Amino acid sequence: MKLFNLVKSSIASFTRGFTQVDSKAWWIEISTIEPPCRYYFGPFKNPVDAMFNCLGYVVDLANEKAKGITVTFKHCNPKKLTVCDGEES
């Protein structure tokens, strides 16, 4: 149930700010406290595709014992797909 609430709150916060339209792709950014990393999953053509795909990534990280998982949907072009311990994205 915690996982469902996390995804639900992420979708709610995302849809409040849905105004960006340009050539950047949509990505899922998942941050974890332990290990202290940010993971980027994508690219997706639109935010709806990103939302529908995020649960699988969150479940995989939870199964790997990641702690403090937060999900953000971003309109960006990340330089790296995994950023840990103070590295630049």
PDB file of N, CA and C in Angstrom:
ATOM      1  N   MET A   1       0.821  -1.197   0.000  1.00  0.00           N
ATOM      2  CA  MET A   1       0.000   0.000   0.000  1.00  0.00           C
ATOM      3  C   MET A   1       0.863   1.259   0.000  1.00  0.00           C
ATOM      4  N   LYS A   2       2.026   1.228   0.697  1.00  0.00           N
ATOM      5  CA  LYS A   2       2.914   2.381   0.706  1.00  0.00           C
ATOM      6  C   LYS A   2       3.352   2.728  -0.711  1.00  0.00           C
ATOM      7  N   LEU A   3       3.669   1.705  -1.481  1.00  0.00           N
ATOM      8  CA  LEU A   3       4.136   1.907  -2.849  1.00  0.00           C
ATOM      9  C   LEU A   3       3.051   2.563  -3.689  1.00  0.00           C
ATOM     10  N   PHE A   4       1.814   2.114  -3.534  1.00  0.00           N
ATOM     11  CA  PHE A   4       0.704   2.710  -4.269  1.00  0.00           C
ATOM     12  C   PHE A   4       0.546   4.181  -3.906  1.00  0.00           C
ATOM     13  N   ASN A   5       0.632   4.503  -2.611  1.00  0.00           N
ATOM     14  CA  ASN A   5       0.496   5.895  -2.164  1.00  0.00           C
ATOM     15  C   ASN A   5       1.632   6.766  -2.693  1.00  0.00           C
ATOM     16  N   LEU A   6       2.848   6.212  -2.772  1.00  0.00           N
ATOM     17  CA  LEU A   6       3.977   6.952  -3.321  1.00  0.00           C
ATOM     18  C   LEU A   6       3.733   7.319  -4.774  1.00  0.00           C
ATOM     19  N   VAL A   7       3.299   6.344  -5.564  1.00  0.00           N
ATOM     20  CA  VAL A   7       3.033   6.595  -6.982  1.00  0.00           C
ATOM     21  C   VAL A   7       1.864   7.559  -7.134  1.00  0.00           C
ATOM     22  N   LYS A   8       0.818   7.364  -6.338  1.00  0.00           N
ATOM     23  CA  LYS A   8      -0.362   8.234  -6.401  1.00  0.00           C
ATOM     24  C   LYS A   8       0.006   9.687  -6.092  1.00  0.00           C
ATOM     25  N   SER A   9       0.808   9.921  -5.052  1.00  0.00           N
ATOM     26  CA  SER A   9       1.180  11.290  -4.710  1.00  0.00           C
ATOM     27  C   SER A   9       2.111  11.891  -5.760  1.00  0.00           C
ATOM     28  N   SER A  10       2.965  11.064  -6.355  1.00  0.00           N
ATOM     29  CA  SER A  10       3.854  11.555  -7.415  1.00  0.00           C
ATOM     30  C   SER A  10       3.054  11.986  -8.632  1.00  0.00           C
ATOM     31  N   ILE A  11       2.064  11.201  -9.004  1.00  0.00           N
ATOM     32  CA  ILE A  11       1.223  11.534 -10.155  1.00  0.00           C
ATOM     33  C   ILE A  11       0.445  12.820  -9.877  1.00  0.00           C
ATOM     34  N   ALA A  12      -0.070  12.953  -8.663  1.00  0.00           N
ATOM     35  CA  ALA A  12      -0.831  14.155  -8.315  1.00  0.00           C
ATOM     36  C   ALA A  12       0.049  15.401  -8.387  1.00  0.00           C
ATOM     37  N   SER A  13       1.261  15.313  -7.857  1.00  0.00           N
ATOM     38  CA  SER A  13       2.138  16.480  -7.896  1.00  0.00           C
ATOM     39  C   SER A  13       2.595  16.784  -9.313  1.00  0.00           C
ATOM     40  N   PHE A  14       2.763  15.747 -10.100  1.00  0.00           N
ATOM     41  CA  PHE A  14       3.174  15.937 -11.489  1.00  0.00           C
ATOM     42  C   PHE A  14       2.094  16.641 -12.298  1.00  0.00           C
ATOM     43  N   THR A  15       0.865  16.194 -12.188  1.00  0.00           N
ATOM     44  CA  THR A  15      -0.196  16.743 -13.025  1.00  0.00           C
ATOM     45  C   THR A  15      -0.493  18.200 -12.711  1.00  0.00           C
ATOM     46  N   ARG A  16      -0.182  18.656 -11.495  1.00  0.00           N
ATOM     47  CA  ARG A  16      -0.376  20.070 -11.153  1.00  0.00           C
ATOM     48  C   ARG A  16       0.554  20.964 -11.969  1.00  0.00           C
ATOM     49  N   GLY A  17       1.724  20.453 -12.358  1.00  0.00           N
ATOM     50  CA  GLY A  17       2.683  21.281 -13.066  1.00  0.00           C
ATOM     51  C   GLY A  17       2.841  20.939 -14.537  1.00  0.00           C
ATOM     52  N   PHE A  18       1.868  20.298 -15.141  1.00  0.00           N
ATOM     53  CA  PHE A  18       1.987  19.852 -16.525  1.00  0.00           C
ATOM     54  C   PHE A  18       1.722  20.999 -17.496  1.00  0.00           C
ATOM     55  N   THR A  19       2.811  21.722 -17.833  1.00  0.00           N
ATOM     56  CA  THR A  19       2.667  22.835 -18.767  1.00  0.00           C
ATOM     57  C   THR A  19       3.788  22.888 -19.787  1.00  0.00           C
ATOM     58  N   GLN A  20       4.829  22.073 -19.621  1.00  0.00           N
ATOM     59  CA  GLN A  20       5.998  22.165 -20.487  1.00  0.00           C
ATOM     60  C   GLN A  20       5.773  21.437 -21.820  1.00  0.00           C
ATOM     61  N   VAL A  21       6.156  22.096 -22.902  1.00  0.00           N
ATOM     62  CA  VAL A  21       6.119  21.470 -24.221  1.00  0.00           C
ATOM     63  C   VAL A  21       7.320  21.985 -25.004  1.00  0.00           C
ATOM     64  N   ASP A  22       8.268  21.117 -25.305  1.00  0.00           N
ATOM     65  CA  ASP A  22       9.388  21.449 -26.165  1.00  0.00           C
ATOM     66  C   ASP A  22      10.028  20.154 -26.645  1.00  0.00           C
ATOM     67  N   SER A  23      11.253  20.216 -27.134  1.00  0.00           N
ATOM     68  CA  SER A  23      11.878  19.045 -27.753  1.00  0.00           C
ATOM     69  C   SER A  23      12.467  18.057 -26.754  1.00  0.00           C
ATOM     70  N   LYS A  24      12.461  18.365 -25.478  1.00  0.00           N
ATOM     71  CA  LYS A  24      12.990  17.442 -24.478  1.00  0.00           C
ATOM     72  C   LYS A  24      12.045  16.261 -24.303  1.00  0.00           C
ATOM     73  N   ALA A  25      12.624  15.146 -23.923  1.00  0.00           N
ATOM     74  CA  ALA A  25      11.830  13.947 -23.663  1.00  0.00           C
ATOM     75  C   ALA A  25      11.376  13.930 -22.209  1.00  0.00           C
ATOM     76  N   TRP A  26      10.458  13.046 -21.902  1.00  0.00           N
ATOM     77  CA  TRP A  26       9.994  12.855 -20.535  1.00  0.00           C
ATOM     78  C   TRP A  26      10.773  11.711 -19.917  1.00  0.00           C
ATOM     79  N   TRP A  27      11.196  11.906 -18.680  1.00  0.00           N
ATOM     80  CA  TRP A  27      11.967  10.914 -17.949  1.00  0.00           C
ATOM     81  C   TRP A  27      11.377  10.723 -16.563  1.00  0.00           C
ATOM     82  N   ILE A  28      11.582   9.545 -16.024  1.00  0.00           N
ATOM     83  CA  ILE A  28      11.252   9.267 -14.633  1.00  0.00           C
ATOM     84  C   ILE A  28      12.551   9.407 -13.854  1.00  0.00           C
ATOM     85  N   GLU A  29      12.555  10.274 -12.843  1.00  0.00           N
ATOM     86  CA  GLU A  29      13.706  10.387 -11.954  1.00  0.00           C
ATOM     87  C   GLU A  29      13.304   9.754 -10.630  1.00  0.00           C
ATOM     88  N   ILE A  30      14.031   8.725 -10.240  1.00  0.00           N
ATOM     89  CA  ILE A  30      13.778   8.083  -8.956  1.00  0.00           C
ATOM     90  C   ILE A  30      14.993   8.319  -8.078  1.00  0.00           C
ATOM     91  N   SER A  31      14.758   8.947  -6.938  1.00  0.00           N
ATOM     92  CA  SER A  31      15.827   9.221  -5.975  1.00  0.00           C
ATOM     93  C   SER A  31      15.686   8.258  -4.808  1.00  0.00           C
ATOM     94  N   THR A  32      16.836   7.837  -4.277  1.00  0.00           N
ATOM     95  CA  THR A  32      16.839   6.976  -3.101  1.00  0.00           C
ATOM     96  C   THR A  32      17.782   7.565  -2.064  1.00  0.00           C
ATOM     97  N   ILE A  33      17.416   7.385  -0.799  1.00  0.00           N
ATOM     98  CA  ILE A  33      18.276   7.827   0.296  1.00  0.00           C
ATOM     99  C   ILE A  33      19.386   6.807   0.513  1.00  0.00           C
ATOM    100  N   GLU A  34      19.043   5.527   0.430  1.00  0.00           N
ATOM    101  CA  GLU A  34      20.028   4.456   0.589  1.00  0.00           C
ATOM    102  C   GLU A  34      19.839   3.449  -0.525  1.00  0.00           C
ATOM    103  N   PRO A  35      20.712   3.341  -1.462  1.00  0.00           N
ATOM    104  CA  PRO A  35      21.922   4.131  -1.623  1.00  0.00           C
ATOM    105  C   PRO A  35      21.562   5.557  -2.053  1.00  0.00           C
ATOM    106  N   PRO A  36      22.430   6.526  -1.781  1.00  0.00           N
ATOM    107  CA  PRO A  36      22.132   7.916  -2.145  1.00  0.00           C
ATOM    108  C   PRO A  36      22.347   8.153  -3.646  1.00  0.00           C
ATOM    109  N   CYS A  37      21.307   7.860  -4.419  1.00  0.00           N
ATOM    110  CA  CYS A  37      21.424   7.940  -5.881  1.00  0.00           C
ATOM    111  C   CYS A  37      20.156   8.511  -6.510  1.00  0.00           C
ATOM    112  N   ARG A  38      20.323   8.962  -7.757  1.00  0.00           N
ATOM    113  CA  ARG A  38      19.200   9.317  -8.628  1.00  0.00           C
ATOM    114  C   ARG A  38      19.305   8.448  -9.875  1.00  0.00           C
ATOM    115  N   TYR A  39      18.195   7.868 -10.257  1.00  0.00           N
ATOM    116  CA  TYR A  39      18.139   7.004 -11.436  1.00  0.00           C
ATOM    117  C   TYR A  39      17.178   7.625 -12.433  1.00  0.00           C
ATOM    118  N   TYR A  40      17.560   7.638 -13.697  1.00  0.00           N
ATOM    119  CA  TYR A  40      16.698   8.160 -14.748  1.00  0.00           C
ATOM    120  C   TYR A  40      16.260   7.023 -15.649  1.00  0.00           C
ATOM    121  N   PHE A  41      14.958   6.942 -15.893  1.00  0.00           N
ATOM    122  CA  PHE A  41      14.385   5.917 -16.759  1.00  0.00           C
ATOM    123  C   PHE A  41      13.612   6.610 -17.868  1.00  0.00           C
ATOM    124  N   GLY A  42      13.873   6.219 -19.093  1.00  0.00           N
ATOM    125  CA  GLY A  42      13.213   6.826 -20.236  1.00  0.00           C
ATOM    126  C   GLY A  42      14.049   6.630 -21.466  1.00  0.00           C
ATOM    127  N   PRO A  43      13.860   7.413 -22.470  1.00  0.00           N
ATOM    128  CA  PRO A  43      12.903   8.522 -22.584  1.00  0.00           C
ATOM    129  C   PRO A  43      11.502   8.030 -22.934  1.00  0.00           C
ATOM    130  N   PHE A  44      10.539   8.872 -22.626  1.00  0.00           N
ATOM    131  CA  PHE A  44       9.146   8.611 -22.961  1.00  0.00           C
ATOM    132  C   PHE A  44       8.625   9.756 -23.817  1.00  0.00           C
ATOM    133  N   LYS A  45       7.704   9.449 -24.706  1.00  0.00           N
ATOM    134  CA  LYS A  45       7.145  10.458 -25.615  1.00  0.00           C
ATOM    135  C   LYS A  45       6.292  11.482 -24.884  1.00  0.00           C
ATOM    136  N   ASN A  46       5.650  11.036 -23.825  1.00  0.00           N
ATOM    137  CA  ASN A  46       4.746  11.931 -23.105  1.00  0.00           C
ATOM    138  C   ASN A  46       4.700  11.530 -21.637  1.00  0.00           C
ATOM    139  N   PRO A  47       4.168  12.388 -20.782  1.00  0.00           N
ATOM    140  CA  PRO A  47       4.157  12.108 -19.348  1.00  0.00           C
ATOM    141  C   PRO A  47       3.269  10.930 -18.962  1.00  0.00           C
ATOM    142  N   VAL A  48       2.251  10.670 -19.733  1.00  0.00           N
ATOM    143  CA  VAL A  48       1.363   9.548 -19.423  1.00  0.00           C
ATOM    144  C   VAL A  48       2.120   8.232 -19.552  1.00  0.00           C
ATOM    145  N   ASP A  49       2.916   8.089 -20.627  1.00  0.00           N
ATOM    146  CA  ASP A  49       3.732   6.880 -20.782  1.00  0.00           C
ATOM    147  C   ASP A  49       4.689   6.720 -19.606  1.00  0.00           C
ATOM    148  N   ALA A  50       5.285   7.814 -19.174  1.00  0.00           N
ATOM    149  CA  ALA A  50       6.206   7.760 -18.036  1.00  0.00           C
ATOM    150  C   ALA A  50       5.469   7.299 -16.779  1.00  0.00           C
ATOM    151  N   MET A  51       4.285   7.842 -16.530  1.00  0.00           N
ATOM    152  CA  MET A  51       3.506   7.457 -15.348  1.00  0.00           C
ATOM    153  C   MET A  51       3.149   5.979 -15.369  1.00  0.00           C
ATOM    154  N   PHE A  52       2.735   5.483 -16.517  1.00  0.00           N
ATOM    155  CA  PHE A  52       2.341   4.077 -16.608  1.00  0.00           C
ATOM    156  C   PHE A  52       3.518   3.132 -16.429  1.00  0.00           C
ATOM    157  N   ASN A  53       4.716   3.585 -16.683  1.00  0.00           N
ATOM    158  CA  ASN A  53       5.895   2.727 -16.580  1.00  0.00           C
ATOM    159  C   ASN A  53       6.639   2.851 -15.259  1.00  0.00           C
ATOM    160  N   CYS A  54       6.341   3.835 -14.442  1.00  0.00           N
ATOM    161  CA  CYS A  54       7.153   4.088 -13.255  1.00  0.00           C
ATOM    162  C   CYS A  54       7.028   3.014 -12.186  1.00  0.00           C
ATOM    163  N   LEU A  55       5.902   2.394 -12.038  1.00  0.00           N
ATOM    164  CA  LEU A  55       5.703   1.434 -10.949  1.00  0.00           C
ATOM    165  C   LEU A  55       6.697   0.280 -11.020  1.00  0.00           C
ATOM    166  N   GLY A  56       6.964  -0.226 -12.221  1.00  0.00           N
ATOM    167  CA  GLY A  56       7.905  -1.334 -12.364  1.00  0.00           C
ATOM    168  C   GLY A  56       9.298  -0.976 -11.885  1.00  0.00           C
ATOM    169  N   TYR A  57       9.742   0.241 -12.181  1.00  0.00           N
ATOM    170  CA  TYR A  57      11.065   0.686 -11.738  1.00  0.00           C
ATOM    171  C   TYR A  57      11.117   0.835 -10.216  1.00  0.00           C
ATOM    172  N   VAL A  58      10.053   1.361  -9.637  1.00  0.00           N
ATOM    173  CA  VAL A  58       9.992   1.529  -8.184  1.00  0.00           C
ATOM    174  C   VAL A  58      10.004   0.160  -7.506  1.00  0.00           C
ATOM    175  N   VAL A  59       9.250  -0.777  -8.026  1.00  0.00           N
ATOM    176  CA  VAL A  59       9.213  -2.131  -7.458  1.00  0.00           C
ATOM    177  C   VAL A  59      10.603  -2.772  -7.532  1.00  0.00           C
ATOM    178  N   ASP A  60      11.278  -2.638  -8.659  1.00  0.00           N
ATOM    179  CA  ASP A  60      12.623  -3.205  -8.799  1.00  0.00           C
ATOM    180  C   ASP A  60      13.578  -2.632  -7.752  1.00  0.00           C
ATOM    181  N   LEU A  61      13.551  -1.318  -7.561  1.00  0.00           N
ATOM    182  CA  LEU A  61      14.425  -0.704  -6.559  1.00  0.00           C
ATOM    183  C   LEU A  61      14.047  -1.138  -5.142  1.00  0.00           C
ATOM    184  N   ALA A  62      12.761  -1.248  -4.867  1.00  0.00           N
ATOM    185  CA  ALA A  62      12.317  -1.708  -3.549  1.00  0.00           C
ATOM    186  C   ALA A  62      12.771  -3.147  -3.310  1.00  0.00           C
ATOM    187  N   ASN A  63      12.688  -3.981  -4.334  1.00  0.00           N
ATOM    188  CA  ASN A  63      13.147  -5.374  -4.209  1.00  0.00           C
ATOM    189  C   ASN A  63      14.650  -5.458  -3.980  1.00  0.00           C
ATOM    190  N   GLU A  64      15.383  -4.453  -4.439  1.00  0.00           N
ATOM    191  CA  GLU A  64      16.829  -4.393  -4.214  1.00  0.00           C
ATOM    192  C   GLU A  64      17.163  -3.732  -2.877  1.00  0.00           C
ATOM    193  N   LYS A  65      16.139  -3.513  -2.055  1.00  0.00           N
ATOM    194  CA  LYS A  65      16.285  -2.956  -0.696  1.00  0.00           C
ATOM    195  C   LYS A  65      16.659  -1.478  -0.659  1.00  0.00           C
ATOM    196  N   ALA A  66      16.364  -0.736  -1.725  1.00  0.00           N
ATOM    197  CA  ALA A  66      16.585   0.714  -1.699  1.00  0.00           C
ATOM    198  C   ALA A  66      15.637   1.334  -0.676  1.00  0.00           C
ATOM    199  N   LYS A  67      16.089   2.390  -0.017  1.00  0.00           N
ATOM    200  CA  LYS A  67      15.280   3.052   1.008  1.00  0.00           C
ATOM    201  C   LYS A  67      15.084   4.520   0.645  1.00  0.00           C
ATOM    202  N   GLY A  68      13.957   5.076   1.088  1.00  0.00           N
ATOM    203  CA  GLY A  68      13.677   6.489   0.857  1.00  0.00           C
ATOM    204  C   GLY A  68      13.449   6.811  -0.608  1.00  0.00           C
ATOM    205  N   ILE A  69      12.606   6.022  -1.251  1.00  0.00           N
ATOM    206  CA  ILE A  69      12.357   6.171  -2.690  1.00  0.00           C
ATOM    207  C   ILE A  69      11.381   7.311  -2.950  1.00  0.00           C
ATOM    208  N   THR A  70      11.756   8.234  -3.837  1.00  0.00           N
ATOM    209  CA  THR A  70      10.844   9.288  -4.296  1.00  0.00           C
ATOM    210  C   THR A  70      10.854   9.317  -5.821  1.00  0.00           C
ATOM    211  N   VAL A  71       9.718   9.649  -6.397  1.00  0.00           N
ATOM    212  CA  VAL A  71       9.549   9.639  -7.846  1.00  0.00           C
ATOM    213  C   VAL A  71       9.201  11.039  -8.325  1.00  0.00           C
ATOM    214  N   THR A  72       9.872  11.460  -9.399  1.00  0.00           N
ATOM    215  CA  THR A  72       9.585  12.735 -10.040  1.00  0.00           C
ATOM    216  C   THR A  72       9.547  12.514 -11.542  1.00  0.00           C
ATOM    217  N   PHE A  73       8.619  13.164 -12.219  1.00  0.00           N
ATOM    218  CA  PHE A  73       8.559  13.096 -13.675  1.00  0.00           C
ATOM    219  C   PHE A  73       9.169  14.381 -14.208  1.00  0.00           C
ATOM    220  N   LYS A  74      10.161  14.227 -15.092  1.00  0.00           N
ATOM    221  CA  LYS A  74      10.894  15.404 -15.557  1.00  0.00           C
ATOM    222  C   LYS A  74      10.894  15.486 -17.071  1.00  0.00           C
ATOM    223  N   HIS A  75      10.881  16.708 -17.526  1.00  0.00           N
ATOM    224  CA  HIS A  75      10.986  17.029 -18.945  1.00  0.00           C
ATOM    225  C   HIS A  75      12.413  17.507 -19.137  1.00  0.00           C
ATOM    226  N   CYS A  76      13.321  16.588 -19.493  1.00  0.00           N
ATOM    227  CA  CYS A  76      14.739  16.917 -19.488  1.00  0.00           C
ATOM    228  C   CYS A  76      15.507  15.998 -20.434  1.00  0.00           C
ATOM    229  N   ASN A  77      16.803  16.154 -20.428  1.00  0.00           N
ATOM    230  CA  ASN A  77      17.711  15.275 -21.152  1.00  0.00           C
ATOM    231  C   ASN A  77      18.896  14.989 -20.232  1.00  0.00           C
ATOM    232  N   PRO A  78      18.783  13.966 -19.361  1.00  0.00           N
ATOM    233  CA  PRO A  78      19.868  13.698 -18.418  1.00  0.00           C
ATOM    234  C   PRO A  78      21.147  13.268 -19.131  1.00  0.00           C
ATOM    235  N   LYS A  79      22.281  13.698 -18.580  1.00  0.00           N
ATOM    236  CA  LYS A  79      23.577  13.321 -19.148  1.00  0.00           C
ATOM    237  C   LYS A  79      23.969  11.905 -18.730  1.00  0.00           C
ATOM    238  N   LYS A  80      23.568  11.518 -17.505  1.00  0.00           N
ATOM    239  CA  LYS A  80      23.872  10.190 -16.984  1.00  0.00           C
ATOM    240  C   LYS A  80      22.581   9.566 -16.483  1.00  0.00           C
ATOM    241  N   LEU A  81      22.472   8.243 -16.593  1.00  0.00           N
ATOM    242  CA  LEU A  81      21.254   7.564 -16.152  1.00  0.00           C
ATOM    243  C   LEU A  81      21.279   7.197 -14.673  1.00  0.00           C
ATOM    244  N   THR A  82      22.453   7.102 -14.084  1.00  0.00           N
ATOM    245  CA  THR A  82      22.586   6.840 -12.655  1.00  0.00           C
ATOM    246  C   THR A  82      23.594   7.820 -12.087  1.00  0.00           C
ATOM    247  N   VAL A  83      23.164   8.558 -11.053  1.00  0.00           N
ATOM    248  CA  VAL A  83      24.023   9.564 -10.433  1.00  0.00           C
ATOM    249  C   VAL A  83      24.035   9.275  -8.936  1.00  0.00           C
ATOM    250  N   CYS A  84      25.242   9.009  -8.391  1.00  0.00           N
ATOM    251  CA  CYS A  84      25.362   8.667  -6.977  1.00  0.00           C
ATOM    252  C   CYS A  84      26.383   9.530  -6.273  1.00  0.00           C
ATOM    253  N   ASP A  85      26.166   9.757  -4.977  1.00  0.00           N
ATOM    254  CA  ASP A  85      27.143  10.384  -4.095  1.00  0.00           C
ATOM    255  C   ASP A  85      27.785  11.658  -4.641  1.00  0.00           C
ATOM    256  N   GLY A  86      27.009  12.656  -4.971  1.00  0.00           N
ATOM    257  CA  GLY A  86      27.549  13.948  -5.352  1.00  0.00           C
ATOM    258  C   GLY A  86      28.030  14.069  -6.782  1.00  0.00           C
ATOM    259  N   GLU A  87      27.837  13.045  -7.611  1.00  0.00           N
ATOM    260  CA  GLU A  87      28.202  13.157  -9.019  1.00  0.00           C
ATOM    261  C   GLU A  87      27.246  14.124  -9.698  1.00  0.00           C
ATOM    262  N   GLU A  88      27.646  14.703 -10.811  1.00  0.00           N
ATOM    263  CA  GLU A  88      26.754  15.574 -11.576  1.00  0.00           C
ATOM    264  C   GLU A  88      25.920  14.747 -12.532  1.00  0.00           C
ATOM    265  N   SER A  89      24.672  15.191 -12.766  1.00  0.00           N
ATOM    266  CA  SER A  89      23.793  14.471 -13.706  1.00  0.00           C
ATOM    267  C   SER A  89      23.986  14.967 -15.125  1.00  0.00           C
TER     268      SER A  89
END
